[in-house]
């Protein structure tokens, strides 16, 4: 049992590491754009020493890169991991290993969460709901979004 709990805890920590996509969109957007800024700085360094610029690191490709990167991050990394962790948690809940209670409502942007999470899988499903909504919001950001344009400028911080 201890090994199973350890495995679950490692997966929960990994989910926490990539959970930005399931935060309120205004928070997720700022965090994501700052990560993109780091990617662009790396691309600038790669260009400066004559290396091939890696995926999503070329600021010259513009706004589409930012949107595509965030939608892809949610669709191909976070989504699959969150779904797998949810299934794992549901399996573990049968043994009573994943019970938790959340008394305070959680702000999740445009999506209303349940008032209480009785188990880990409920919490993860709530996170996924927000994440899917955020993916659609990334797709809907209009061309010329000032935050994205600021992100594309060299050396600028996103407030």
Foldseek 3Di string as FASTA:
>chain_A
DVVLLVVLVVLVVVLVVLLLLLAALVSSVQVLLVVLLVLLVVQVVCVVVVHDRDQSRPLVVDDVSSLVVLLCCLPPPNVVSLVVSLVSQVVCVVVVPFADWDQPFHDGHPDGQDNIDGGPSSVSVSSNVSSVVSNVVSVPDDPPPVQRVQSSDHPGHRD
